Amino acid sequence: MNKIALEIVGMSYSQSQSGSYALILGESGGKRRLPIIIGGFEAQAIALGLEKIQPSRPMTHDLLKNMLFFYGIEVIEVIIHKFNEGVFHALLVCRQDDEISEIDARTSDAVAIAIRFECPIYTYQHILTEAGITLEASEDPSPDTIIEDEPEENEFSEYLLTELETMLQQAIEQEEFEKASLIRDEIQKRKKKF
């Protein structure tokens, strides 16, 4: 089967499932999208990887990457290979010396690991046909966009930009990553205005 390359198009808070997020993977160079519902911790791991935020201590996916490197194992690609009863299944394709192995993984974990290894993510035609959606050109968010469904005003709206930058650093050091992402979003929103 021919593999189809995917890229991370965006992530937003799920309106249908409380406490969950929708990770949107898009067909490279195409209009088809795979919306995958993931948990808050997985969304946080993916967001930290995308934003290249380094916590003071390694998170689970960073720890796994460090262990794999230590043992000379490289994740060369991720394949979303199955869609069964509404659940996506993924494989980590790993190489150690000249030996290739496939390891079963949750799709959200596989994507978080792919980000850290900077390896490609693939799926197959039958997955996109069964679970994908096709967006019109006007609906298509630009690549690498994190979609936020937050109101304009939030708990950090009243702070100065310099105060927010200090608060962001403190939140990262204290491993309050959800708070850090909200502060980061407020900083980015303000910088776009200028």
N, C-alpha and C. Protein backbone atom coordinates (compact mmCIF):
# COMPACT_ATOMS: atom_id res chain seq x y z
N MET A 1 0.84 -1.19 0.00
CA MET A 1 0.00 0.00 0.00
C MET A 1 0.88 1.25 0.00
N ASN A 2 0.42 2.25 -0.74
CA ASN A 2 1.14 3.51 -0.77
C ASN A 2 0.82 4.34 0.46
N LYS A 3 1.85 4.88 1.06
CA LYS A 3 1.67 5.73 2.24
C LYS A 3 1.38 7.15 1.80
N ILE A 4 0.53 7.83 2.56
CA ILE A 4 0.18 9.23 2.30
C ILE A 4 0.73 10.06 3.46
N ALA A 5 1.56 11.05 3.14
CA ALA A 5 2.17 11.90 4.17
C ALA A 5 1.14 12.82 4.80
N LEU A 6 1.25 12.97 6.11
CA LEU A 6 0.37 13.87 6.88
C LEU A 6 1.21 14.93 7.57
N GLU A 7 0.59 16.04 7.86
CA GLU A 7 1.23 17.09 8.65
C GLU A 7 0.23 17.58 9.69
N ILE A 8 0.74 18.14 10.76
CA ILE A 8 -0.13 18.68 11.80
C ILE A 8 -0.65 20.02 11.33
N VAL A 9 -1.97 20.12 11.20
CA VAL A 9 -2.60 21.34 10.72
C VAL A 9 -3.02 22.22 11.89
N GLY A 10 -3.50 21.61 12.95
CA GLY A 10 -3.95 22.42 14.08
C GLY A 10 -4.48 21.56 15.21
N MET A 11 -4.83 22.23 16.27
CA MET A 11 -5.39 21.58 17.44
C MET A 11 -6.35 22.56 18.10
N SER A 12 -7.50 22.05 18.53
CA SER A 12 -8.46 22.93 19.19
C SER A 12 -9.18 22.17 20.28
N TYR A 13 -9.78 22.91 21.18
CA TYR A 13 -10.57 22.30 22.25
C TYR A 13 -11.78 21.64 21.62
N SER A 14 -12.06 20.41 21.99
CA SER A 14 -13.19 19.67 21.43
C SER A 14 -14.50 20.19 21.98
N GLN A 15 -15.39 20.58 21.09
CA GLN A 15 -16.71 21.05 21.50
C GLN A 15 -17.63 19.87 21.86
N SER A 16 -17.31 18.68 21.31
CA SER A 16 -18.19 17.53 21.50
C SER A 16 -17.86 16.71 22.74
N GLN A 17 -16.59 16.70 23.16
CA GLN A 17 -16.19 15.90 24.32
C GLN A 17 -15.45 16.78 25.32
N SER A 18 -16.04 16.96 26.47
CA SER A 18 -15.46 17.82 27.49
C SER A 18 -14.09 17.32 27.93
N GLY A 19 -13.12 18.22 28.04
CA GLY A 19 -11.78 17.87 28.48
C GLY A 19 -10.91 17.27 27.40
N SER A 20 -11.43 17.20 26.18
CA SER A 20 -10.68 16.61 25.08
C SER A 20 -10.32 17.67 24.05
N TYR A 21 -9.41 17.30 23.16
CA TYR A 21 -8.96 18.19 22.09
C TYR A 21 -9.07 17.47 20.76
N ALA A 22 -9.21 18.23 19.70
CA ALA A 22 -9.21 17.68 18.35
C ALA A 22 -7.86 18.00 17.72
N LEU A 23 -7.10 16.96 17.42
CA LEU A 23 -5.85 17.09 16.69
C LEU A 23 -6.19 16.91 15.22
N ILE A 24 -5.83 17.88 14.40
CA ILE A 24 -6.15 17.82 12.97
C ILE A 24 -4.87 17.53 12.20
N LEU A 25 -4.84 16.37 11.55
CA LEU A 25 -3.74 16.00 10.67
C LEU A 25 -4.23 16.17 9.24
N GLY A 26 -3.42 16.79 8.40
CA GLY A 26 -3.83 17.05 7.02
C GLY A 26 -2.95 16.33 6.03
N GLU A 27 -3.55 15.93 4.93
CA GLU A 27 -2.83 15.30 3.83
C GLU A 27 -1.88 16.34 3.24
N SER A 28 -0.60 16.02 3.15
CA SER A 28 0.38 16.97 2.59
C SER A 28 0.01 17.28 1.15
N GLY A 29 -0.19 18.56 0.86
CA GLY A 29 -0.53 18.98 -0.48
C GLY A 29 -1.96 18.67 -0.90
N GLY A 30 -2.80 18.26 0.05
CA GLY A 30 -4.18 17.92 -0.27
C GLY A 30 -5.15 18.61 0.65
N LYS A 31 -6.44 18.33 0.47
CA LYS A 31 -7.48 18.98 1.25
C LYS A 31 -8.13 18.06 2.27
N ARG A 32 -7.71 16.80 2.32
CA ARG A 32 -8.32 15.87 3.27
C ARG A 32 -7.67 16.01 4.64
N ARG A 33 -8.49 15.87 5.68
CA ARG A 33 -8.05 16.02 7.06
C ARG A 33 -8.51 14.83 7.88
N LEU A 34 -7.69 14.47 8.87
CA LEU A 34 -8.06 13.45 9.85
C LEU A 34 -8.22 14.15 11.19
N PRO A 35 -9.44 14.31 11.68
CA PRO A 35 -9.62 14.86 13.03
C PRO A 35 -9.55 13.71 14.04
N ILE A 36 -8.66 13.85 15.01
CA ILE A 36 -8.44 12.79 16.00
C ILE A 36 -8.68 13.39 17.38
N ILE A 37 -9.61 12.81 18.14
CA ILE A 37 -9.89 13.29 19.49
C ILE A 37 -8.85 12.72 20.45
N ILE A 38 -8.20 13.60 21.19
CA ILE A 38 -7.16 13.19 22.14
C ILE A 38 -7.41 13.84 23.49
N GLY A 39 -6.77 13.32 24.52
CA GLY A 39 -6.92 13.84 25.87
C GLY A 39 -6.10 15.10 26.09
N GLY A 40 -6.35 15.74 27.22
CA GLY A 40 -5.66 16.98 27.56
C GLY A 40 -4.17 16.82 27.75
N PHE A 41 -3.74 15.72 28.40
CA PHE A 41 -2.31 15.51 28.62
C PHE A 41 -1.58 15.28 27.31
N GLU A 42 -2.22 14.52 26.41
CA GLU A 42 -1.61 14.25 25.11
C GLU A 42 -1.53 15.54 24.29
N ALA A 43 -2.59 16.35 24.37
CA ALA A 43 -2.58 17.64 23.66
C ALA A 43 -1.45 18.52 24.18
N GLN A 44 -1.25 18.50 25.50
CA GLN A 44 -0.19 19.28 26.10
C GLN A 44 1.18 18.81 25.61
N ALA A 45 1.38 17.49 25.53
CA ALA A 45 2.65 16.94 25.06
C ALA A 45 2.92 17.34 23.62
N ILE A 46 1.88 17.31 22.79
CA ILE A 46 2.03 17.69 21.39
C ILE A 46 2.33 19.19 21.29
N ALA A 47 1.59 20.01 22.04
CA ALA A 47 1.80 21.46 22.00
C ALA A 47 3.20 21.83 22.47
N LEU A 48 3.68 21.20 23.55
CA LEU A 48 5.03 21.48 24.03
C LEU A 48 6.06 21.15 22.97
N GLY A 49 5.87 20.02 22.28
CA GLY A 49 6.79 19.64 21.21
C GLY A 49 6.75 20.60 20.05
N LEU A 50 5.56 21.00 19.63
CA LEU A 50 5.43 21.93 18.51
C LEU A 50 6.05 23.29 18.82
N GLU A 51 5.84 23.74 20.06
CA GLU A 51 6.35 25.05 20.46
C GLU A 51 7.81 25.00 20.90
N LYS A 52 8.37 23.78 20.94
CA LYS A 52 9.76 23.56 21.36
C LYS A 52 10.02 24.13 22.76
N ILE A 53 9.03 23.97 23.63
CA ILE A 53 9.18 24.39 25.02
C ILE A 53 9.88 23.26 25.78
N GLN A 54 10.98 23.59 26.43
CA GLN A 54 11.74 22.60 27.19
C GLN A 54 11.43 22.74 28.68
N PRO A 55 10.68 21.79 29.23
CA PRO A 55 10.42 21.86 30.67
C PRO A 55 11.70 21.63 31.45
N SER A 56 11.69 22.03 32.71
CA SER A 56 12.91 21.89 33.52
C SER A 56 13.27 20.42 33.74
N ARG A 57 12.30 19.54 33.74
CA ARG A 57 12.53 18.09 33.86
C ARG A 57 11.86 17.43 32.68
N PRO A 58 12.40 16.30 32.19
CA PRO A 58 11.82 15.68 31.00
C PRO A 58 10.41 15.13 31.24
N MET A 59 9.54 15.42 30.29
CA MET A 59 8.20 14.84 30.30
C MET A 59 8.30 13.42 29.74
N THR A 60 7.21 12.66 29.79
CA THR A 60 7.22 11.25 29.41
C THR A 60 7.76 11.02 27.99
N HIS A 61 7.29 11.80 27.02
CA HIS A 61 7.73 11.58 25.63
C HIS A 61 9.19 11.97 25.45
N ASP A 62 9.64 12.98 26.19
CA ASP A 62 11.05 13.35 26.14
C ASP A 62 11.92 12.26 26.76
N LEU A 63 11.44 11.69 27.87
CA LEU A 63 12.15 10.59 28.52
C LEU A 63 12.26 9.40 27.57
N LEU A 64 11.18 9.06 26.89
CA LEU A 64 11.22 7.95 25.94
C LEU A 64 12.22 8.22 24.82
N LYS A 65 12.23 9.44 24.31
CA LYS A 65 13.20 9.79 23.26
C LYS A 65 14.63 9.62 23.78
N ASN A 66 14.89 10.10 24.99
CA ASN A 66 16.24 9.98 25.56
C ASN A 66 16.64 8.51 25.72
N MET A 67 15.70 7.68 26.17
CA MET A 67 15.99 6.25 26.35
C MET A 67 16.28 5.58 25.01
N LEU A 68 15.47 5.89 24.01
CA LEU A 68 15.69 5.28 22.70
C LEU A 68 17.04 5.69 22.13
N PHE A 69 17.39 6.96 22.25
CA PHE A 69 18.71 7.43 21.80
C PHE A 69 19.82 6.69 22.54
N PHE A 70 19.66 6.53 23.85
CA PHE A 70 20.68 5.86 24.66
C PHE A 70 20.95 4.45 24.15
N TYR A 71 19.89 3.76 23.73
CA TYR A 71 20.04 2.38 23.25
C TYR A 71 20.21 2.30 21.73
N GLY A 72 20.43 3.45 21.09
CA GLY A 72 20.71 3.45 19.65
C GLY A 72 19.52 3.14 18.77
N ILE A 73 18.34 3.49 19.25
CA ILE A 73 17.12 3.24 18.49
C ILE A 73 16.59 4.58 17.97
N GLU A 74 16.24 4.60 16.69
CA GLU A 74 15.72 5.81 16.07
C GLU A 74 14.31 5.54 15.56
N VAL A 75 13.39 6.45 15.84
CA VAL A 75 12.05 6.37 15.27
C VAL A 75 12.14 7.04 13.91
N ILE A 76 11.91 6.26 12.84
CA ILE A 76 12.10 6.81 11.49
C ILE A 76 10.79 7.28 10.85
N GLU A 77 9.65 6.73 11.32
CA GLU A 77 8.37 7.21 10.83
C GLU A 77 7.25 6.70 11.73
N VAL A 78 6.10 7.36 11.61
CA VAL A 78 4.89 6.95 12.30
C VAL A 78 3.85 6.66 11.22
N ILE A 79 3.15 5.55 11.37
CA ILE A 79 2.10 5.19 10.41
C ILE A 79 0.78 4.99 11.16
N ILE A 80 -0.22 5.76 10.78
CA ILE A 80 -1.57 5.53 11.29
C ILE A 80 -2.16 4.49 10.35
N HIS A 81 -2.22 3.26 10.82
CA HIS A 81 -2.48 2.14 9.91
C HIS A 81 -3.86 1.52 10.03
N LYS A 82 -4.62 1.88 11.06
CA LYS A 82 -5.91 1.24 11.25
C LYS A 82 -6.89 2.21 11.90
N PHE A 83 -8.15 2.07 11.50
CA PHE A 83 -9.25 2.83 12.11
C PHE A 83 -10.33 1.82 12.42
N ASN A 84 -10.55 1.54 13.71
CA ASN A 84 -11.46 0.48 14.12
C ASN A 84 -12.39 0.99 15.21
N GLU A 85 -13.69 0.96 14.96
CA GLU A 85 -14.70 1.39 15.92
C GLU A 85 -14.44 2.80 16.45
N GLY A 86 -14.06 3.70 15.55
CA GLY A 86 -13.83 5.09 15.91
C GLY A 86 -12.49 5.39 16.54
N VAL A 87 -11.60 4.39 16.60
CA VAL A 87 -10.29 4.58 17.23
C VAL A 87 -9.18 4.39 16.19
N PHE A 88 -8.27 5.36 16.14
CA PHE A 88 -7.11 5.26 15.26
C PHE A 88 -6.02 4.45 15.94
N HIS A 89 -5.29 3.65 15.16
CA HIS A 89 -4.18 2.87 15.67
C HIS A 89 -2.92 3.27 14.91
N ALA A 90 -1.81 3.39 15.61
CA ALA A 90 -0.57 3.84 14.98
C ALA A 90 0.58 2.89 15.29
N LEU A 91 1.59 2.96 14.44
CA LEU A 91 2.83 2.20 14.63
C LEU A 91 4.01 3.16 14.65
N LEU A 92 4.94 2.92 15.56
CA LEU A 92 6.23 3.59 15.53
C LEU A 92 7.15 2.67 14.75
N VAL A 93 7.69 3.14 13.66
CA VAL A 93 8.64 2.35 12.88
C VAL A 93 10.04 2.77 13.34
N CYS A 94 10.75 1.80 13.95
CA CYS A 94 12.03 2.08 14.59
C CYS A 94 13.16 1.34 13.88
N ARG A 95 14.35 1.94 13.96
CA ARG A 95 15.53 1.30 13.40
C ARG A 95 16.62 1.24 14.47
N GLN A 96 17.20 0.05 14.64
CA GLN A 96 18.36 -0.13 15.49
C GLN A 96 19.38 -0.90 14.67
N ASP A 97 20.50 -0.28 14.41
CA ASP A 97 21.49 -0.81 13.47
C ASP A 97 20.78 -1.00 12.12
N ASP A 98 20.71 -2.21 11.60
CA ASP A 98 20.04 -2.44 10.31
C ASP A 98 18.69 -3.12 10.48
N GLU A 99 18.22 -3.23 11.71
CA GLU A 99 16.96 -3.93 11.97
C GLU A 99 15.82 -2.94 12.14
N ILE A 100 14.72 -3.20 11.41
CA ILE A 100 13.52 -2.36 11.47
C ILE A 100 12.47 -3.09 12.31
N SER A 101 11.85 -2.35 13.25
CA SER A 101 10.80 -2.91 14.10
C SER A 101 9.62 -1.97 14.10
N GLU A 102 8.43 -2.53 14.33
CA GLU A 102 7.21 -1.73 14.45
C GLU A 102 6.64 -1.92 15.84
N ILE A 103 6.31 -0.81 16.49
CA ILE A 103 5.79 -0.85 17.85
C ILE A 103 4.41 -0.20 17.85
N ASP A 104 3.42 -0.92 18.38
CA ASP A 104 2.05 -0.41 18.48
C ASP A 104 2.02 0.77 19.45
N ALA A 105 1.26 1.82 19.11
CA ALA A 105 1.18 3.01 19.96
C ALA A 105 -0.17 3.68 19.78
N ARG A 106 -0.59 4.40 20.82
CA ARG A 106 -1.75 5.27 20.65
C ARG A 106 -1.35 6.36 19.66
N THR A 107 -2.28 6.79 18.86
CA THR A 107 -1.97 7.78 17.83
C THR A 107 -1.46 9.08 18.43
N SER A 108 -2.06 9.52 19.54
CA SER A 108 -1.62 10.78 20.16
C SER A 108 -0.18 10.67 20.65
N ASP A 109 0.18 9.53 21.24
CA ASP A 109 1.57 9.33 21.69
C ASP A 109 2.51 9.25 20.50
N ALA A 110 2.07 8.56 19.45
CA ALA A 110 2.91 8.42 18.25
C ALA A 110 3.20 9.79 17.64
N VAL A 111 2.20 10.67 17.58
CA VAL A 111 2.39 12.01 17.04
C VAL A 111 3.34 12.82 17.92
N ALA A 112 3.18 12.74 19.24
CA ALA A 112 4.08 13.45 20.16
C ALA A 112 5.52 12.98 19.99
N ILE A 113 5.71 11.69 19.77
CA ILE A 113 7.05 11.15 19.56
C ILE A 113 7.59 11.56 18.19
N ALA A 114 6.73 11.54 17.16
CA ALA A 114 7.16 11.96 15.82
C ALA A 114 7.67 13.40 15.83
N ILE A 115 7.02 14.27 16.60
CA ILE A 115 7.46 15.65 16.71
C ILE A 115 8.86 15.71 17.29
N ARG A 116 9.10 14.93 18.33
CA ARG A 116 10.40 14.96 19.01
C ARG A 116 11.52 14.34 18.16
N PHE A 117 11.18 13.35 17.35
CA PHE A 117 12.18 12.74 16.46
C PHE A 117 12.23 13.43 15.10
N GLU A 118 11.34 14.39 14.88
CA GLU A 118 11.24 15.09 13.60
C GLU A 118 11.13 14.10 12.45
N CYS A 119 10.30 13.09 12.65
CA CYS A 119 10.11 12.08 11.61
C CYS A 119 8.73 12.25 10.97
N PRO A 120 8.55 11.72 9.75
CA PRO A 120 7.27 11.89 9.06
C PRO A 120 6.16 11.05 9.67
N ILE A 121 4.94 11.51 9.41
CA ILE A 121 3.72 10.80 9.82
C ILE A 121 2.98 10.42 8.55
N TYR A 122 2.56 9.16 8.46
CA TYR A 122 1.86 8.66 7.28
C TYR A 122 0.55 7.98 7.66
N THR A 123 -0.29 7.82 6.65
CA THR A 123 -1.47 6.97 6.76
C THR A 123 -1.69 6.34 5.40
N TYR A 124 -2.80 5.60 5.27
CA TYR A 124 -3.13 4.94 4.01
C TYR A 124 -4.42 5.51 3.44
N GLN A 125 -4.61 5.28 2.16
CA GLN A 125 -5.80 5.76 1.45
C GLN A 125 -7.09 5.33 2.14
N HIS A 126 -7.19 4.06 2.55
CA HIS A 126 -8.44 3.58 3.13
C HIS A 126 -8.77 4.28 4.46
N ILE A 127 -7.75 4.73 5.19
CA ILE A 127 -8.00 5.48 6.43
C ILE A 127 -8.59 6.85 6.10
N LEU A 128 -7.99 7.54 5.12
CA LEU A 128 -8.51 8.86 4.73
C LEU A 128 -9.92 8.75 4.15
N THR A 129 -10.18 7.67 3.40
CA THR A 129 -11.50 7.48 2.82
C THR A 129 -12.54 7.24 3.91
N GLU A 130 -12.20 6.41 4.88
CA GLU A 130 -13.15 6.03 5.92
C GLU A 130 -13.34 7.11 6.98
N ALA A 131 -12.24 7.75 7.42
CA ALA A 131 -12.33 8.65 8.58
C ALA A 131 -12.00 10.10 8.27
N GLY A 132 -11.54 10.38 7.06
CA GLY A 132 -11.13 11.74 6.73
C GLY A 132 -12.30 12.63 6.34
N ILE A 133 -12.04 13.91 6.35
CA ILE A 133 -13.00 14.89 5.86
C ILE A 133 -12.28 15.76 4.84
N THR A 134 -13.03 16.29 3.89
CA THR A 134 -12.45 17.17 2.88
C THR A 134 -12.96 18.57 3.13
N LEU A 135 -12.04 19.51 3.26
CA LEU A 135 -12.40 20.90 3.52
C LEU A 135 -12.37 21.70 2.24
N GLU A 136 -13.26 22.66 2.15
CA GLU A 136 -13.21 23.60 1.04
C GLU A 136 -12.03 24.53 1.28
N ALA A 137 -11.53 25.14 0.24
CA ALA A 137 -10.35 26.00 0.34
C ALA A 137 -10.53 27.10 1.37
N SER A 138 -11.74 27.67 1.48
CA SER A 138 -11.96 28.76 2.42
C SER A 138 -11.95 28.30 3.88
N GLU A 139 -12.17 26.98 4.11
CA GLU A 139 -12.19 26.44 5.47
C GLU A 139 -10.81 26.01 5.94
N ASP A 140 -9.87 25.91 5.05
CA ASP A 140 -8.59 25.29 5.32
C ASP A 140 -7.66 26.20 6.10
N PRO A 141 -7.33 25.85 7.36
CA PRO A 141 -6.36 26.67 8.10
C PRO A 141 -4.98 26.47 7.52
N SER A 142 -4.14 27.49 7.65
CA SER A 142 -2.78 27.37 7.12
C SER A 142 -2.00 26.35 7.94
N PRO A 143 -0.99 25.68 7.33
CA PRO A 143 -0.21 24.69 8.07
C PRO A 143 0.45 25.30 9.29
N ASP A 144 0.68 24.45 10.28
CA ASP A 144 1.36 24.83 11.52
C ASP A 144 0.57 25.84 12.36
N THR A 145 -0.72 25.90 12.16
CA THR A 145 -1.55 26.81 12.93
C THR A 145 -2.19 26.05 14.09
N ILE A 146 -2.05 26.56 15.29
CA ILE A 146 -2.78 26.01 16.41
C ILE A 146 -4.08 26.80 16.50
N ILE A 147 -5.18 26.10 16.35
CA ILE A 147 -6.48 26.76 16.34
C ILE A 147 -6.95 26.91 17.78
N GLU A 148 -7.29 28.09 18.15
CA GLU A 148 -7.75 28.33 19.51
C GLU A 148 -9.20 28.78 19.48
N ASP A 149 -10.00 28.23 20.34
CA ASP A 149 -11.39 28.62 20.45
C ASP A 149 -11.64 29.38 21.75
N GLU A 150 -10.70 30.20 22.14
CA GLU A 150 -10.83 30.91 23.40
C GLU A 150 -11.45 32.29 23.17
N PRO A 151 -12.12 32.81 24.13
CA PRO A 151 -12.64 34.16 24.00
C PRO A 151 -11.49 35.17 23.98
N GLU A 152 -11.79 36.38 23.48
CA GLU A 152 -10.77 37.42 23.38
C GLU A 152 -10.19 37.80 24.74
N GLU A 153 -11.06 37.88 25.75
CA GLU A 153 -10.60 38.25 27.09
C GLU A 153 -10.34 36.99 27.89
N ASN A 154 -9.25 36.99 28.67
CA ASN A 154 -8.96 35.87 29.55
C ASN A 154 -8.30 36.40 30.81
N GLU A 155 -7.91 35.50 31.69
CA GLU A 155 -7.36 35.91 32.97
C GLU A 155 -6.03 36.65 32.87
N PHE A 156 -5.39 36.60 31.69
CA PHE A 156 -4.10 37.25 31.52
C PHE A 156 -4.19 38.54 30.70
N SER A 157 -5.38 38.94 30.32
CA SER A 157 -5.57 40.12 29.46
C SER A 157 -5.12 41.42 30.11
N GLU A 158 -5.16 41.48 31.43
CA GLU A 158 -4.86 42.73 32.14
C GLU A 158 -3.37 42.96 32.40
N TYR A 159 -2.53 41.96 32.14
CA TYR A 159 -1.10 42.09 32.44
C TYR A 159 -0.34 42.74 31.28
N LEU A 160 0.76 43.42 31.63
CA LEU A 160 1.65 43.97 30.62
C LEU A 160 2.43 42.84 29.97
N LEU A 161 2.93 43.09 28.76
CA LEU A 161 3.67 42.07 28.02
C LEU A 161 4.91 41.60 28.80
N THR A 162 5.61 42.53 29.43
CA THR A 162 6.81 42.14 30.21
C THR A 162 6.43 41.26 31.39
N GLU A 163 5.28 41.57 32.01
CA GLU A 163 4.81 40.74 33.12
C GLU A 163 4.45 39.34 32.63
N LEU A 164 3.83 39.26 31.48
CA LEU A 164 3.45 37.96 30.92
C LEU A 164 4.68 37.11 30.61
N GLU A 165 5.71 37.73 30.08
CA GLU A 165 6.93 36.98 29.75
C GLU A 165 7.57 36.41 31.02
N THR A 166 7.57 37.19 32.10
CA THR A 166 8.09 36.70 33.39
C THR A 166 7.22 35.57 33.92
N MET A 167 5.90 35.75 33.83
CA MET A 167 4.97 34.72 34.30
C MET A 167 5.12 33.43 33.49
N LEU A 168 5.37 33.55 32.19
CA LEU A 168 5.56 32.37 31.33
C LEU A 168 6.77 31.57 31.79
N GLN A 169 7.86 32.25 32.04
CA GLN A 169 9.07 31.57 32.49
C GLN A 169 8.84 30.87 33.84
N GLN A 170 8.15 31.54 34.74
CA GLN A 170 7.86 30.95 36.05
C GLN A 170 6.96 29.72 35.92
N ALA A 171 5.96 29.80 35.05
CA ALA A 171 5.04 28.67 34.86
C ALA A 171 5.79 27.46 34.29
N ILE A 172 6.72 27.69 33.37
CA ILE A 172 7.51 26.59 32.80
C ILE A 172 8.39 25.98 33.88
N GLU A 173 9.06 26.81 34.65
CA GLU A 173 9.94 26.31 35.71
C GLU A 173 9.17 25.51 36.76
N GLN A 174 7.91 25.89 37.01
CA GLN A 174 7.09 25.19 38.00
C GLN A 174 6.28 24.05 37.37
N GLU A 175 6.54 23.80 36.08
CA GLU A 175 5.88 22.73 35.32
C GLU A 175 4.37 22.87 35.31
N GLU A 176 3.90 24.10 35.25
CA GLU A 176 2.47 24.40 35.11
C GLU A 176 2.22 24.68 33.62
N PHE A 177 2.21 23.60 32.83
CA PHE A 177 2.24 23.74 31.38
C PHE A 177 0.94 24.24 30.78
N GLU A 178 -0.18 23.91 31.40
CA GLU A 178 -1.45 24.42 30.90
C GLU A 178 -1.49 25.94 31.05
N LYS A 179 -1.05 26.41 32.23
CA LYS A 179 -0.98 27.85 32.46
C LYS A 179 0.01 28.49 31.50
N ALA A 180 1.15 27.84 31.29
CA ALA A 180 2.18 28.37 30.38
C ALA A 180 1.63 28.52 28.97
N SER A 181 0.84 27.54 28.52
CA SER A 181 0.30 27.63 27.16
C SER A 181 -0.70 28.77 27.03
N LEU A 182 -1.49 29.02 28.09
CA LEU A 182 -2.43 30.15 28.05
C LEU A 182 -1.69 31.49 28.02
N ILE A 183 -0.63 31.58 28.81
CA ILE A 183 0.16 32.82 28.81
C ILE A 183 0.84 33.01 27.47
N ARG A 184 1.41 31.92 26.92
CA ARG A 184 2.06 31.98 25.61
C ARG A 184 1.08 32.46 24.54
N ASP A 185 -0.16 31.94 24.59
CA ASP A 185 -1.17 32.33 23.62
C ASP A 185 -1.50 33.82 23.72
N GLU A 186 -1.58 34.33 24.95
CA GLU A 186 -1.86 35.75 25.14
C GLU A 186 -0.71 36.60 24.60
N ILE A 187 0.53 36.16 24.82
CA ILE A 187 1.70 36.89 24.30
C ILE A 187 1.66 36.91 22.78
N GLN A 188 1.40 35.74 22.17
CA GLN A 188 1.36 35.67 20.71
C GLN A 188 0.24 36.52 20.13
N LYS A 189 -0.92 36.52 20.81
CA LYS A 189 -2.04 37.32 20.34
C LYS A 189 -1.67 38.80 20.32
N ARG A 190 -0.98 39.24 21.36
CA ARG A 190 -0.60 40.66 21.42
C ARG A 190 0.46 41.00 20.39
N LYS A 191 1.41 40.10 20.18
CA LYS A 191 2.47 40.38 19.20
C LYS A 191 1.93 40.45 17.79
N LYS A 192 0.85 39.72 17.50
CA LYS A 192 0.23 39.76 16.17
C LYS A 192 -0.41 41.11 15.90
N LYS A 193 -0.84 41.80 16.97
CA LYS A 193 -1.52 43.08 16.82
C LYS A 193 -0.55 44.19 16.40
N PHE A 194 0.75 43.98 16.69
CA PHE A 194 1.73 45.04 16.41
C PHE A 194 2.42 44.83 15.10
